[in-house]
Amino acid sequence: MTGEPTPSLLIADDDPTFCEVLARALERRGFTVAVAHDVPSALSRARCDPPQYAVVDLKMPGPSGLELVTELRALNESIRIVVLTGYASIATAVEAIKLGATHYLAKPANADEILAALQAEPAAANANDTDFQPLSVARLEWEHIQKVLAEHDGNISATARALNMHRRTLQRKLAKRPVRK
């Protein structure tokens, strides 16, 4: 080894098994990894030793991973943050990028995908893409349903009420795959 310090990485996710597997995989790829299972403990670790990289789950017990993104960015402006979520939607992706995340990945994501996202150019750089295609109405509907579902913590009945939609209709729409662009 050349004596260069290894890059530090913080994993903040409430799934202990996922954290353990990802931490091992990224340690093998040359990172010094710290793990936290909620936002307060992640902030505590980051304040003691601000990481160069972070992998943040969007939905954890207590405060949202988006709050952690803001705090991590305040601690280290050059930090590269990948936000992971099982509730992928354009609305949350845009919010994460606005708050300072470098990239946004839908779960399940493996270590190679996460590493590529950590090392890739920031997602905001692609916002000025001249090949931008507007989303179809069906895709916009899907994204809106996912956003409202996330706001109601995955509760189908509460989401259906908020959307003024019959619960069975919502379940049928959710059973379908996401509509392509």
N, C-alpha and C. Protein backbone atom coordinates (compact mmCIF):
# COMPACT_ATOMS: atom_id res chain seq x y z
N MET A 1 0.84 -1.18 0.00
CA MET A 1 0.00 0.00 0.00
C MET A 1 0.88 1.23 0.00
N THR A 2 0.43 2.31 -0.60
CA THR A 2 1.22 3.52 -0.77
C THR A 2 1.17 4.44 0.43
N GLY A 3 0.44 4.10 1.44
CA GLY A 3 0.35 4.93 2.62
C GLY A 3 -0.73 6.00 2.50
N GLU A 4 -1.46 6.03 1.39
CA GLU A 4 -2.55 6.99 1.24
C GLU A 4 -3.69 6.60 2.17
N PRO A 5 -4.34 7.60 2.79
CA PRO A 5 -5.46 7.26 3.66
C PRO A 5 -6.63 6.70 2.84
N THR A 6 -7.34 5.76 3.43
CA THR A 6 -8.49 5.19 2.73
C THR A 6 -9.67 6.14 2.87
N PRO A 7 -10.50 6.25 1.84
CA PRO A 7 -11.65 7.16 1.91
C PRO A 7 -12.66 6.65 2.95
N SER A 8 -13.26 7.61 3.67
CA SER A 8 -14.24 7.25 4.70
C SER A 8 -15.64 7.29 4.12
N LEU A 9 -16.46 6.34 4.56
CA LEU A 9 -17.83 6.21 4.07
C LEU A 9 -18.76 5.92 5.23
N LEU A 10 -19.90 6.59 5.25
CA LEU A 10 -20.93 6.36 6.26
C LEU A 10 -22.12 5.70 5.59
N ILE A 11 -22.57 4.58 6.16
CA ILE A 11 -23.79 3.92 5.69
C ILE A 11 -24.85 4.16 6.76
N ALA A 12 -25.96 4.78 6.36
CA ALA A 12 -27.07 5.03 7.27
C ALA A 12 -28.30 4.32 6.71
N ASP A 13 -28.64 3.20 7.31
CA ASP A 13 -29.78 2.39 6.85
C ASP A 13 -30.29 1.60 8.05
N ASP A 14 -31.61 1.43 8.13
CA ASP A 14 -32.19 0.74 9.29
C ASP A 14 -32.20 -0.77 9.15
N ASP A 15 -31.68 -1.31 8.06
CA ASP A 15 -31.62 -2.76 7.84
C ASP A 15 -30.22 -3.25 8.21
N PRO A 16 -30.06 -3.87 9.40
CA PRO A 16 -28.73 -4.28 9.85
C PRO A 16 -28.03 -5.27 8.90
N THR A 17 -28.78 -6.19 8.32
CA THR A 17 -28.18 -7.17 7.41
C THR A 17 -27.65 -6.49 6.17
N PHE A 18 -28.44 -5.60 5.59
CA PHE A 18 -28.01 -4.85 4.41
C PHE A 18 -26.74 -4.06 4.73
N CYS A 19 -26.73 -3.38 5.89
CA CYS A 19 -25.57 -2.59 6.29
C CYS A 19 -24.32 -3.45 6.42
N GLU A 20 -24.47 -4.60 7.04
CA GLU A 20 -23.32 -5.49 7.24
C GLU A 20 -22.75 -5.97 5.91
N VAL A 21 -23.62 -6.39 5.02
CA VAL A 21 -23.17 -6.89 3.71
C VAL A 21 -22.54 -5.77 2.90
N LEU A 22 -23.18 -4.60 2.86
CA LEU A 22 -22.64 -3.48 2.09
C LEU A 22 -21.33 -2.99 2.69
N ALA A 23 -21.26 -2.91 4.00
CA ALA A 23 -20.02 -2.46 4.66
C ALA A 23 -18.85 -3.37 4.31
N ARG A 24 -19.07 -4.68 4.37
CA ARG A 24 -18.00 -5.63 4.01
C ARG A 24 -17.57 -5.45 2.56
N ALA A 25 -18.56 -5.33 1.68
CA ALA A 25 -18.26 -5.18 0.25
C ALA A 25 -17.48 -3.90 -0.03
N LEU A 26 -17.83 -2.82 0.62
CA LEU A 26 -17.14 -1.55 0.37
C LEU A 26 -15.78 -1.49 1.07
N GLU A 27 -15.65 -2.18 2.19
CA GLU A 27 -14.33 -2.28 2.83
C GLU A 27 -13.36 -3.03 1.93
N ARG A 28 -13.86 -4.09 1.26
CA ARG A 28 -13.01 -4.82 0.31
C ARG A 28 -12.61 -3.95 -0.88
N ARG A 29 -13.40 -2.92 -1.14
CA ARG A 29 -13.12 -2.01 -2.26
C ARG A 29 -12.31 -0.79 -1.81
N GLY A 30 -11.82 -0.81 -0.56
CA GLY A 30 -10.90 0.22 -0.12
C GLY A 30 -11.44 1.34 0.74
N PHE A 31 -12.65 1.21 1.26
CA PHE A 31 -13.23 2.26 2.10
C PHE A 31 -13.09 1.91 3.58
N THR A 32 -13.01 2.94 4.41
CA THR A 32 -13.16 2.80 5.85
C THR A 32 -14.63 3.10 6.12
N VAL A 33 -15.36 2.12 6.63
CA VAL A 33 -16.82 2.24 6.72
C VAL A 33 -17.29 2.37 8.16
N ALA A 34 -18.22 3.32 8.36
CA ALA A 34 -18.95 3.47 9.63
C ALA A 34 -20.42 3.22 9.32
N VAL A 35 -21.12 2.60 10.26
CA VAL A 35 -22.53 2.24 10.04
C VAL A 35 -23.40 2.86 11.13
N ALA A 36 -24.57 3.35 10.72
CA ALA A 36 -25.57 3.86 11.66
C ALA A 36 -26.94 3.40 11.18
N HIS A 37 -27.86 3.19 12.12
CA HIS A 37 -29.18 2.67 11.75
C HIS A 37 -30.31 3.70 11.88
N ASP A 38 -29.96 4.93 12.22
CA ASP A 38 -30.95 6.01 12.25
C ASP A 38 -30.23 7.34 12.08
N VAL A 39 -30.98 8.40 11.86
CA VAL A 39 -30.39 9.71 11.58
C VAL A 39 -29.59 10.26 12.76
N PRO A 40 -30.12 10.22 14.01
CA PRO A 40 -29.32 10.77 15.11
C PRO A 40 -27.97 10.09 15.30
N SER A 41 -27.92 8.76 15.21
CA SER A 41 -26.62 8.10 15.39
C SER A 41 -25.70 8.36 14.19
N ALA A 42 -26.27 8.49 12.99
CA ALA A 42 -25.46 8.82 11.81
C ALA A 42 -24.85 10.22 11.97
N LEU A 43 -25.65 11.16 12.45
CA LEU A 43 -25.14 12.51 12.66
C LEU A 43 -24.04 12.54 13.73
N SER A 44 -24.24 11.77 14.78
CA SER A 44 -23.24 11.69 15.84
C SER A 44 -21.91 11.20 15.28
N ARG A 45 -21.96 10.14 14.48
CA ARG A 45 -20.73 9.59 13.87
C ARG A 45 -20.11 10.61 12.92
N ALA A 46 -20.95 11.26 12.12
CA ALA A 46 -20.44 12.21 11.12
C ALA A 46 -19.82 13.44 11.78
N ARG A 47 -20.36 13.86 12.89
CA ARG A 47 -19.80 15.03 13.58
C ARG A 47 -18.44 14.72 14.18
N CYS A 48 -18.26 13.48 14.64
CA CYS A 48 -16.96 13.07 15.19
C CYS A 48 -15.90 12.94 14.10
N ASP A 49 -16.30 12.41 12.96
CA ASP A 49 -15.37 12.18 11.85
C ASP A 49 -16.13 12.33 10.53
N PRO A 50 -16.21 13.55 9.99
CA PRO A 50 -17.00 13.77 8.76
C PRO A 50 -16.53 12.87 7.62
N PRO A 51 -17.44 12.08 7.05
CA PRO A 51 -17.06 11.16 5.97
C PRO A 51 -16.93 11.88 4.63
N GLN A 52 -16.19 11.24 3.72
CA GLN A 52 -16.05 11.76 2.36
C GLN A 52 -17.21 11.27 1.49
N TYR A 53 -17.79 10.13 1.88
CA TYR A 53 -18.87 9.51 1.12
C TYR A 53 -19.95 9.06 2.10
N ALA A 54 -21.19 8.97 1.59
CA ALA A 54 -22.28 8.47 2.42
C ALA A 54 -23.31 7.75 1.56
N VAL A 55 -23.86 6.69 2.12
CA VAL A 55 -24.98 5.97 1.52
C VAL A 55 -26.10 6.09 2.54
N VAL A 56 -27.20 6.75 2.14
CA VAL A 56 -28.27 7.10 3.07
C VAL A 56 -29.60 6.51 2.60
N ASP A 57 -30.24 5.75 3.49
CA ASP A 57 -31.58 5.24 3.21
C ASP A 57 -32.56 6.39 3.40
N LEU A 58 -33.50 6.51 2.50
CA LEU A 58 -34.48 7.59 2.58
C LEU A 58 -35.40 7.43 3.79
N LYS A 59 -35.87 6.21 4.02
CA LYS A 59 -36.87 5.98 5.06
C LYS A 59 -36.27 5.16 6.20
N MET A 60 -36.07 5.84 7.32
CA MET A 60 -35.56 5.21 8.53
C MET A 60 -36.47 5.62 9.69
N PRO A 61 -36.41 4.90 10.81
CA PRO A 61 -37.20 5.32 11.96
C PRO A 61 -36.78 6.72 12.40
N GLY A 62 -37.74 7.54 12.78
CA GLY A 62 -37.41 8.90 13.19
C GLY A 62 -37.30 9.81 11.98
N PRO A 63 -36.35 10.74 12.03
CA PRO A 63 -36.21 11.68 10.92
C PRO A 63 -35.88 10.99 9.60
N SER A 64 -36.25 11.63 8.52
CA SER A 64 -36.01 11.11 7.17
C SER A 64 -34.54 11.19 6.79
N GLY A 65 -34.15 10.32 5.88
CA GLY A 65 -32.80 10.37 5.34
C GLY A 65 -32.50 11.70 4.64
N LEU A 66 -33.55 12.37 4.17
CA LEU A 66 -33.35 13.68 3.53
C LEU A 66 -32.79 14.70 4.52
N GLU A 67 -33.21 14.61 5.77
CA GLU A 67 -32.66 15.50 6.80
C GLU A 67 -31.18 15.22 7.00
N LEU A 68 -30.82 13.95 6.93
CA LEU A 68 -29.41 13.58 7.08
C LEU A 68 -28.59 14.12 5.91
N VAL A 69 -29.13 14.08 4.72
CA VAL A 69 -28.43 14.62 3.54
C VAL A 69 -28.08 16.08 3.79
N THR A 70 -29.04 16.86 4.26
CA THR A 70 -28.83 18.29 4.52
C THR A 70 -27.72 18.49 5.56
N GLU A 71 -27.78 17.71 6.64
CA GLU A 71 -26.80 17.85 7.72
C GLU A 71 -25.40 17.42 7.27
N LEU A 72 -25.33 16.33 6.51
CA LEU A 72 -24.03 15.87 6.02
C LEU A 72 -23.41 16.90 5.08
N ARG A 73 -24.22 17.48 4.23
CA ARG A 73 -23.74 18.51 3.29
C ARG A 73 -23.23 19.73 4.07
N ALA A 74 -23.89 20.07 5.19
CA ALA A 74 -23.44 21.20 6.02
C ALA A 74 -22.09 20.90 6.68
N LEU A 75 -21.85 19.64 7.04
CA LEU A 75 -20.59 19.25 7.67
C LEU A 75 -19.43 19.20 6.68
N ASN A 76 -19.73 18.79 5.44
CA ASN A 76 -18.69 18.63 4.43
C ASN A 76 -19.29 18.92 3.07
N GLU A 77 -19.01 20.08 2.52
CA GLU A 77 -19.61 20.49 1.24
C GLU A 77 -19.23 19.58 0.08
N SER A 78 -18.08 18.92 0.19
CA SER A 78 -17.62 18.08 -0.93
C SER A 78 -18.03 16.61 -0.79
N ILE A 79 -18.82 16.28 0.23
CA ILE A 79 -19.24 14.89 0.43
C ILE A 79 -20.06 14.41 -0.76
N ARG A 80 -19.90 13.15 -1.10
CA ARG A 80 -20.67 12.53 -2.17
C ARG A 80 -21.66 11.58 -1.51
N ILE A 81 -22.95 11.84 -1.74
CA ILE A 81 -24.02 11.11 -1.06
C ILE A 81 -24.90 10.40 -2.07
N VAL A 82 -25.12 9.10 -1.82
CA VAL A 82 -26.08 8.34 -2.61
C VAL A 82 -27.26 8.03 -1.70
N VAL A 83 -28.45 8.40 -2.15
CA VAL A 83 -29.68 8.12 -1.40
C VAL A 83 -30.30 6.85 -1.97
N LEU A 84 -30.61 5.91 -1.09
CA LEU A 84 -31.26 4.65 -1.47
C LEU A 84 -32.70 4.65 -0.97
N THR A 85 -33.60 4.07 -1.74
CA THR A 85 -34.97 3.95 -1.25
C THR A 85 -35.70 2.81 -1.93
N GLY A 86 -36.61 2.23 -1.19
CA GLY A 86 -37.52 1.24 -1.74
C GLY A 86 -38.76 1.89 -2.31
N TYR A 87 -38.91 3.21 -2.08
CA TYR A 87 -40.06 3.97 -2.56
C TYR A 87 -39.61 4.97 -3.61
N ALA A 88 -39.03 4.47 -4.68
CA ALA A 88 -38.47 5.35 -5.71
C ALA A 88 -39.55 6.14 -6.42
N SER A 89 -39.34 7.44 -6.50
CA SER A 89 -40.22 8.29 -7.28
C SER A 89 -39.43 9.51 -7.73
N ILE A 90 -39.88 10.12 -8.78
CA ILE A 90 -39.18 11.30 -9.29
C ILE A 90 -39.22 12.42 -8.26
N ALA A 91 -40.33 12.58 -7.57
CA ALA A 91 -40.45 13.67 -6.59
C ALA A 91 -39.39 13.55 -5.49
N THR A 92 -39.22 12.36 -4.93
CA THR A 92 -38.22 12.21 -3.87
C THR A 92 -36.81 12.28 -4.42
N ALA A 93 -36.60 11.80 -5.64
CA ALA A 93 -35.27 11.89 -6.26
C ALA A 93 -34.88 13.36 -6.46
N VAL A 94 -35.80 14.15 -6.97
CA VAL A 94 -35.53 15.57 -7.19
C VAL A 94 -35.24 16.26 -5.86
N GLU A 95 -36.03 15.96 -4.84
CA GLU A 95 -35.83 16.55 -3.52
C GLU A 95 -34.46 16.17 -2.96
N ALA A 96 -34.08 14.91 -3.09
CA ALA A 96 -32.77 14.46 -2.58
C ALA A 96 -31.63 15.19 -3.29
N ILE A 97 -31.73 15.35 -4.59
CA ILE A 97 -30.68 16.02 -5.36
C ILE A 97 -30.63 17.51 -4.98
N LYS A 98 -31.79 18.13 -4.82
CA LYS A 98 -31.84 19.54 -4.42
C LYS A 98 -31.17 19.75 -3.06
N LEU A 99 -31.33 18.79 -2.17
CA LEU A 99 -30.77 18.91 -0.82
C LEU A 99 -29.27 18.60 -0.77
N GLY A 100 -28.74 18.06 -1.87
CA GLY A 100 -27.30 17.84 -1.90
C GLY A 100 -26.84 16.43 -2.16
N ALA A 101 -27.76 15.51 -2.39
CA ALA A 101 -27.33 14.14 -2.74
C ALA A 101 -26.66 14.15 -4.11
N THR A 102 -25.68 13.31 -4.28
CA THR A 102 -24.99 13.20 -5.57
C THR A 102 -25.81 12.35 -6.52
N HIS A 103 -26.36 11.24 -5.99
CA HIS A 103 -27.18 10.34 -6.79
C HIS A 103 -28.28 9.73 -5.94
N TYR A 104 -29.22 9.10 -6.63
CA TYR A 104 -30.41 8.51 -6.01
C TYR A 104 -30.60 7.15 -6.67
N LEU A 105 -30.67 6.08 -5.87
CA LEU A 105 -30.85 4.74 -6.41
C LEU A 105 -32.05 4.06 -5.75
N ALA A 106 -32.77 3.30 -6.55
CA ALA A 106 -33.87 2.51 -6.01
C ALA A 106 -33.32 1.18 -5.50
N LYS A 107 -33.87 0.72 -4.37
CA LYS A 107 -33.49 -0.60 -3.85
C LYS A 107 -34.20 -1.65 -4.66
N PRO A 108 -33.67 -2.79 -4.83
CA PRO A 108 -32.38 -3.24 -4.33
C PRO A 108 -31.25 -2.73 -5.23
N ALA A 109 -30.17 -2.32 -4.60
CA ALA A 109 -28.97 -1.89 -5.31
C ALA A 109 -27.79 -2.65 -4.72
N ASN A 110 -26.91 -3.13 -5.59
CA ASN A 110 -25.76 -3.88 -5.08
C ASN A 110 -24.57 -2.96 -4.88
N ALA A 111 -23.49 -3.48 -4.31
CA ALA A 111 -22.32 -2.68 -3.98
C ALA A 111 -21.70 -2.05 -5.22
N ASP A 112 -21.68 -2.75 -6.34
CA ASP A 112 -21.10 -2.19 -7.56
C ASP A 112 -21.90 -1.00 -8.06
N GLU A 113 -23.23 -1.10 -8.01
CA GLU A 113 -24.08 0.02 -8.43
C GLU A 113 -23.89 1.22 -7.51
N ILE A 114 -23.80 0.97 -6.23
CA ILE A 114 -23.62 2.05 -5.25
C ILE A 114 -22.25 2.70 -5.45
N LEU A 115 -21.22 1.89 -5.63
CA LEU A 115 -19.88 2.42 -5.86
C LEU A 115 -19.84 3.26 -7.14
N ALA A 116 -20.47 2.79 -8.20
CA ALA A 116 -20.51 3.55 -9.45
C ALA A 116 -21.21 4.88 -9.24
N ALA A 117 -22.30 4.89 -8.47
CA ALA A 117 -23.03 6.13 -8.20
C ALA A 117 -22.19 7.09 -7.35
N LEU A 118 -21.44 6.54 -6.39
CA LEU A 118 -20.59 7.38 -5.56
C LEU A 118 -19.48 8.05 -6.37
N GLN A 119 -18.99 7.35 -7.38
CA GLN A 119 -17.86 7.85 -8.17
C GLN A 119 -18.27 8.59 -9.43
N ALA A 120 -19.54 8.50 -9.81
CA ALA A 120 -20.01 9.14 -11.04
C ALA A 120 -20.18 10.65 -10.84
N GLU A 121 -20.34 11.33 -11.95
CA GLU A 121 -20.60 12.76 -11.89
C GLU A 121 -21.95 12.99 -11.20
N PRO A 122 -22.10 14.10 -10.51
CA PRO A 122 -23.37 14.37 -9.83
C PRO A 122 -24.55 14.36 -10.78
N ALA A 123 -25.69 13.89 -10.27
CA ALA A 123 -26.90 13.78 -11.08
C ALA A 123 -27.39 15.13 -11.56
N ALA A 124 -27.17 16.19 -10.79
CA ALA A 124 -27.65 17.51 -11.18
C ALA A 124 -27.00 17.96 -12.49
N ALA A 125 -25.82 17.46 -12.80
CA ALA A 125 -25.14 17.83 -14.03
C ALA A 125 -25.93 17.40 -15.24
N ASN A 126 -26.75 16.37 -15.09
CA ASN A 126 -27.55 15.88 -16.21
C ASN A 126 -28.87 16.63 -16.37
N ALA A 127 -29.17 17.56 -15.49
CA ALA A 127 -30.45 18.26 -15.53
C ALA A 127 -30.59 19.14 -16.77
N ASN A 128 -29.47 19.57 -17.35
CA ASN A 128 -29.51 20.43 -18.53
C ASN A 128 -29.44 19.64 -19.82
N ASP A 129 -29.71 18.37 -19.74
CA ASP A 129 -29.66 17.50 -20.90
C ASP A 129 -30.64 17.99 -21.97
N THR A 130 -30.14 18.17 -23.20
CA THR A 130 -30.99 18.69 -24.27
C THR A 130 -31.94 17.63 -24.80
N ASP A 131 -31.73 16.37 -24.47
CA ASP A 131 -32.60 15.30 -24.94
C ASP A 131 -33.75 15.03 -23.96
N PHE A 132 -34.06 15.97 -23.12
CA PHE A 132 -35.10 15.78 -22.10
C PHE A 132 -36.44 15.45 -22.76
N GLN A 133 -37.07 14.38 -22.28
CA GLN A 133 -38.38 13.98 -22.77
C GLN A 133 -39.38 14.12 -21.63
N PRO A 134 -40.47 14.86 -21.84
CA PRO A 134 -41.46 14.96 -20.77
C PRO A 134 -42.08 13.60 -20.47
N LEU A 135 -42.50 13.43 -19.22
CA LEU A 135 -43.10 12.16 -18.81
C LEU A 135 -44.52 12.05 -19.35
N SER A 136 -44.93 10.82 -19.59
CA SER A 136 -46.31 10.58 -20.03
C SER A 136 -47.26 10.81 -18.86
N VAL A 137 -48.52 11.00 -19.16
CA VAL A 137 -49.53 11.19 -18.12
C VAL A 137 -49.59 9.96 -17.21
N ALA A 138 -49.49 8.78 -17.79
CA ALA A 138 -49.52 7.55 -17.00
C ALA A 138 -48.34 7.49 -16.03
N ARG A 139 -47.15 7.90 -16.49
CA ARG A 139 -45.97 7.89 -15.62
C ARG A 139 -46.11 8.94 -14.52
N LEU A 140 -46.64 10.12 -14.86
CA LEU A 140 -46.86 11.15 -13.85
C LEU A 140 -47.84 10.67 -12.78
N GLU A 141 -48.89 9.96 -13.21
CA GLU A 141 -49.84 9.40 -12.25
C GLU A 141 -49.14 8.43 -11.32
N TRP A 142 -48.32 7.53 -11.88
CA TRP A 142 -47.58 6.54 -11.09
C TRP A 142 -46.68 7.24 -10.07
N GLU A 143 -45.95 8.26 -10.50
CA GLU A 143 -45.05 9.00 -9.61
C GLU A 143 -45.83 9.68 -8.48
N HIS A 144 -46.97 10.26 -8.82
CA HIS A 144 -47.78 10.93 -7.80
C HIS A 144 -48.30 9.92 -6.77
N ILE A 145 -48.77 8.79 -7.25
CA ILE A 145 -49.25 7.75 -6.34
C ILE A 145 -48.12 7.31 -5.41
N GLN A 146 -46.91 7.12 -5.96
CA GLN A 146 -45.78 6.69 -5.13
C GLN A 146 -45.43 7.75 -4.08
N LYS A 147 -45.50 9.01 -4.47
CA LYS A 147 -45.20 10.10 -3.53
C LYS A 147 -46.21 10.11 -2.38
N VAL A 148 -47.50 10.03 -2.72
CA VAL A 148 -48.55 10.04 -1.68
C VAL A 148 -48.44 8.79 -0.81
N LEU A 149 -48.12 7.65 -1.41
CA LEU A 149 -47.95 6.41 -0.65
C LEU A 149 -46.80 6.55 0.35
N ALA A 150 -45.70 7.15 -0.08
CA ALA A 150 -44.56 7.36 0.83
C ALA A 150 -44.94 8.32 1.95
N GLU A 151 -45.72 9.35 1.64
CA GLU A 151 -46.15 10.31 2.66
C GLU A 151 -47.02 9.66 3.71
N HIS A 152 -47.70 8.56 3.34
CA HIS A 152 -48.57 7.85 4.28
C HIS A 152 -47.94 6.55 4.77
N ASP A 153 -46.60 6.50 4.71
CA ASP A 153 -45.84 5.37 5.24
C ASP A 153 -46.28 4.02 4.68
N GLY A 154 -46.66 3.99 3.42
CA GLY A 154 -47.05 2.75 2.77
C GLY A 154 -48.46 2.27 3.10
N ASN A 155 -49.23 3.04 3.82
CA ASN A 155 -50.59 2.66 4.20
C ASN A 155 -51.52 2.85 3.01
N ILE A 156 -52.01 1.74 2.45
CA ILE A 156 -52.85 1.76 1.25
C ILE A 156 -54.16 2.49 1.51
N SER A 157 -54.83 2.21 2.62
CA SER A 157 -56.12 2.83 2.91
C SER A 157 -55.98 4.34 3.05
N ALA A 158 -54.98 4.79 3.80
CA ALA A 158 -54.77 6.23 3.99
C ALA A 158 -54.41 6.90 2.66
N THR A 159 -53.61 6.23 1.85
CA THR A 159 -53.24 6.77 0.54
C THR A 159 -54.46 6.88 -0.36
N ALA A 160 -55.30 5.85 -0.36
CA ALA A 160 -56.52 5.87 -1.19
C ALA A 160 -57.42 7.03 -0.77
N ARG A 161 -57.56 7.25 0.54
CA ARG A 161 -58.38 8.37 1.02
C ARG A 161 -57.77 9.70 0.55
N ALA A 162 -56.46 9.84 0.67
CA ALA A 162 -55.79 11.08 0.28
C ALA A 162 -55.93 11.35 -1.22
N LEU A 163 -55.95 10.29 -2.01
CA LEU A 163 -56.08 10.42 -3.46
C LEU A 163 -57.54 10.47 -3.91
N ASN A 164 -58.46 10.32 -2.95
CA ASN A 164 -59.89 10.26 -3.25
C ASN A 164 -60.16 9.16 -4.27
N MET A 165 -59.62 7.98 -3.96
CA MET A 165 -59.69 6.83 -4.86
C MET A 165 -60.14 5.62 -4.05
N HIS A 166 -60.86 4.73 -4.67
CA HIS A 166 -61.25 3.50 -3.99
C HIS A 166 -59.99 2.67 -3.71
N ARG A 167 -59.94 2.04 -2.55
CA ARG A 167 -58.77 1.26 -2.14
C ARG A 167 -58.43 0.18 -3.15
N ARG A 168 -59.43 -0.52 -3.67
CA ARG A 168 -59.17 -1.60 -4.64
C ARG A 168 -58.59 -1.05 -5.94
N THR A 169 -59.06 0.11 -6.35
CA THR A 169 -58.50 0.74 -7.56
C THR A 169 -57.03 1.06 -7.35
N LEU A 170 -56.71 1.61 -6.18
CA LEU A 170 -55.32 1.92 -5.86
C LEU A 170 -54.48 0.65 -5.84
N GLN A 171 -54.98 -0.42 -5.20
CA GLN A 171 -54.24 -1.67 -5.15
C GLN A 171 -53.99 -2.22 -6.55
N ARG A 172 -54.97 -2.10 -7.43
CA ARG A 172 -54.81 -2.57 -8.81
C ARG A 172 -53.72 -1.76 -9.52
N LYS A 173 -53.71 -0.45 -9.32
CA LYS A 173 -52.70 0.40 -9.95
C LYS A 173 -51.30 0.08 -9.39
N LEU A 174 -51.24 -0.20 -8.09
CA LEU A 174 -49.94 -0.51 -7.48
C LEU A 174 -49.42 -1.90 -7.87
N ALA A 175 -50.32 -2.80 -8.24
CA ALA A 175 -49.90 -4.15 -8.63
C ALA A 175 -49.20 -4.15 -9.99
N LYS A 176 -49.45 -3.10 -10.77
CA LYS A 176 -48.81 -3.00 -12.09
C LYS A 176 -47.38 -2.51 -11.93
N ARG A 177 -46.57 -2.82 -12.92
CA ARG A 177 -45.20 -2.30 -12.93
C ARG A 177 -45.23 -0.80 -13.22
N PRO A 178 -44.18 -0.08 -12.83
CA PRO A 178 -44.15 1.35 -13.16
C PRO A 178 -44.25 1.54 -14.67
N VAL A 179 -44.97 2.55 -15.06
CA VAL A 179 -45.13 2.87 -16.46
C VAL A 179 -43.83 3.46 -16.98
N ARG A 180 -43.43 3.04 -18.16
CA ARG A 180 -42.20 3.62 -18.74
C ARG A 180 -42.47 5.07 -19.08
N LYS A 181 -41.39 5.82 -19.26
CA LYS A 181 -41.48 7.23 -19.55
C LYS A 181 -42.41 7.48 -20.69
